[in-house]
C-alpha atoms as a PDB file:
ATOM      1  CA  MET A   1      -8.929 -41.385 -54.592  1.00  0.00           C
ATOM      2  CA  ILE A   2      -9.480 -37.780 -55.629  1.00  0.00           C
ATOM      3  CA  GLN A   3      -6.508 -36.175 -57.325  1.00  0.00           C
ATOM      4  CA  ILE A   4      -5.159 -32.834 -56.124  1.00  0.00           C
ATOM      5  CA  ARG A   5      -6.353 -31.085 -59.289  1.00  0.00           C
ATOM      6  CA  GLU A   6      -9.878 -32.413 -58.768  1.00  0.00           C
ATOM      7  CA  ARG A   7      -9.844 -31.263 -55.136  1.00  0.00           C
ATOM      8  CA  ILE A   8      -8.793 -27.772 -56.174  1.00  0.00           C
ATOM      9  CA  THR A   9     -11.496 -27.684 -58.840  1.00  0.00           C
ATOM     10  CA  LEU A  10     -14.151 -28.754 -56.325  1.00  0.00           C
ATOM     11  CA  LEU A  11     -12.921 -26.189 -53.814  1.00  0.00           C
ATOM     12  CA  ARG A  12     -13.061 -23.409 -56.425  1.00  0.00           C
ATOM     13  CA  ARG A  13     -16.585 -24.404 -57.390  1.00  0.00           C
ATOM     14  CA  GLY A  14     -17.608 -24.418 -53.748  1.00  0.00           C
ATOM     15  CA  ILE A  15     -16.181 -20.941 -53.228  1.00  0.00           C
ATOM     16  CA  LEU A  16     -17.887 -19.608 -56.342  1.00  0.00           C
ATOM     17  CA  LEU A  17     -21.203 -21.170 -55.334  1.00  0.00           C
ATOM     18  CA  SER A  18     -20.901 -19.648 -51.875  1.00  0.00           C
ATOM     19  CA  LYS A  19     -20.623 -16.239 -53.531  1.00  0.00           C
ATOM     20  CA  LEU A  20     -23.900 -16.793 -55.386  1.00  0.00           C
ATOM     21  CA  TYR A  21     -25.983 -16.983 -52.210  1.00  0.00           C
ATOM     22  CA  LYS A  22     -26.433 -14.673 -49.236  1.00  0.00           C
ATOM     23  CA  LYS A  23     -26.304 -15.900 -45.645  1.00  0.00           C
ATOM     24  CA  ASP A  24     -30.103 -16.017 -45.572  1.00  0.00           C
ATOM     25  CA  GLY A  25     -30.146 -18.331 -48.624  1.00  0.00           C
ATOM     26  CA  GLY A  26     -31.295 -15.708 -51.138  1.00  0.00           C
ATOM     27  CA  ARG A  27     -29.484 -15.336 -54.437  1.00  0.00           C
ATOM     28  CA  ARG A  28     -27.110 -12.419 -54.927  1.00  0.00           C
ATOM     29  CA  ASN A  29     -27.434 -10.242 -57.997  1.00  0.00           C
ATOM     30  CA  HIS A  30     -24.457  -9.598 -60.291  1.00  0.00           C
ATOM     31  CA  PHE A  31     -23.528  -6.346 -58.576  1.00  0.00           C
ATOM     32  CA  GLU A  32     -23.477  -7.979 -55.139  1.00  0.00           C
ATOM     33  CA  ILE A  33     -21.249 -10.799 -56.400  1.00  0.00           C
ATOM     34  CA  ILE A  34     -18.822  -8.360 -58.021  1.00  0.00           C
ATOM     35  CA  GLU A  35     -18.794  -6.166 -54.897  1.00  0.00           C
ATOM     36  CA  SER A  36     -18.089  -9.178 -52.696  1.00  0.00           C
ATOM     37  CA  LEU A  37     -15.222 -10.378 -54.879  1.00  0.00           C
ATOM     38  CA  LEU A  38     -13.727  -6.881 -55.153  1.00  0.00           C
ATOM     39  CA  SER A  39     -13.915  -6.276 -51.405  1.00  0.00           C
ATOM     40  CA  ARG A  40     -12.250  -9.633 -50.736  1.00  0.00           C
ATOM     41  CA  SER A  41      -9.519  -8.725 -53.213  1.00  0.00           C
ATOM     42  CA  ALA A  42      -9.050  -5.312 -51.579  1.00  0.00           C
ATOM     43  CA  VAL A  43      -8.801  -6.882 -48.120  1.00  0.00           C
ATOM     44  CA  MET A  44      -6.227  -9.373 -49.377  1.00  0.00           C
ATOM     45  CA  ASP A  45      -4.194  -6.588 -51.022  1.00  0.00           C
ATOM     46  CA  ALA A  46      -4.209  -4.587 -47.779  1.00  0.00           C
ATOM     47  CA  PHE A  47      -3.153  -7.670 -45.813  1.00  0.00           C
ATOM     48  CA  LEU A  48      -0.250  -8.362 -48.174  1.00  0.00           C
ATOM     49  CA  GLN A  49       0.869  -4.725 -48.051  1.00  0.00           C
ATOM     50  CA  ASP A  50       0.769  -4.788 -44.243  1.00  0.00           C
ATOM     51  CA  ARG A  51       2.927  -7.912 -44.173  1.00  0.00           C
ATOM     52  CA  GLU A  52       5.408  -6.319 -46.563  1.00  0.00           C
ATOM     53  CA  LEU A  53       5.555  -3.164 -44.438  1.00  0.00           C
ATOM     54  CA  GLU A  54       6.001  -5.252 -41.311  1.00  0.00           C
ATOM     55  CA  GLY A  55       9.013  -6.960 -42.883  1.00  0.00           C
ATOM     56  CA  ASP A  56      10.469  -3.608 -43.920  1.00  0.00           C
ATOM     57  CA  PHE A  57       9.916  -2.270 -40.398  1.00  0.00           C
ATOM     58  CA  TYR A  58      11.772  -5.174 -38.782  1.00  0.00           C
ATOM     59  CA  GLU A  59      14.646  -4.736 -41.238  1.00  0.00           C
ATOM     60  CA  TRP A  60      14.830  -1.048 -40.307  1.00  0.00           C
ATOM     61  CA  ILE A  61      14.736  -1.882 -36.573  1.00  0.00           C
ATOM     62  CA  ASN A  62      17.584  -4.367 -37.013  1.00  0.00           C
ATOM     63  CA  GLU A  63      19.633  -1.792 -38.919  1.00  0.00           C
ATOM     64  CA  GLN A  64      19.035   0.722 -36.127  1.00  0.00           C
ATOM     65  CA  LYS A  65      20.179  -1.780 -33.504  1.00  0.00           C
ATOM     66  CA  ILE A  66      23.324  -2.568 -35.487  1.00  0.00           C
ATOM     67  CA  THR A  67      24.091   1.139 -35.868  1.00  0.00           C
ATOM     68  CA  GLU A  68      23.551   1.729 -32.138  1.00  0.00           C
ATOM     69  CA  ASN A  69      25.798  -1.215 -31.251  1.00  0.00           C
ATOM     70  CA  LEU A  70      28.558   0.028 -33.550  1.00  0.00           C
ATOM     71  CA  GLU A  71      28.356   3.514 -32.036  1.00  0.00           C
ATOM     72  CA  TYR A  72      28.346   2.059 -28.528  1.00  0.00           C
ATOM     73  CA  GLU A  73      31.487   0.009 -29.266  1.00  0.00           C
ATOM     74  CA  LYS A  74      33.395   3.112 -30.404  1.00  0.00           C
END
């Protein structure tokens, strides 16, 4: 049975190998590989920032509702 560490290692290798080749099967040059990895990193950063902002937004909405309810009760 393959250990978890070995699975992760194989998955990483697979991902790295997939970055070496284009969809048409041709090899990527160094600049294309770097560009691909950087764009993936930038997309992930934007996604994480959006999720953080979404959480902050819902916190703000909840605070607004609480404030409105307190004012309504007065």
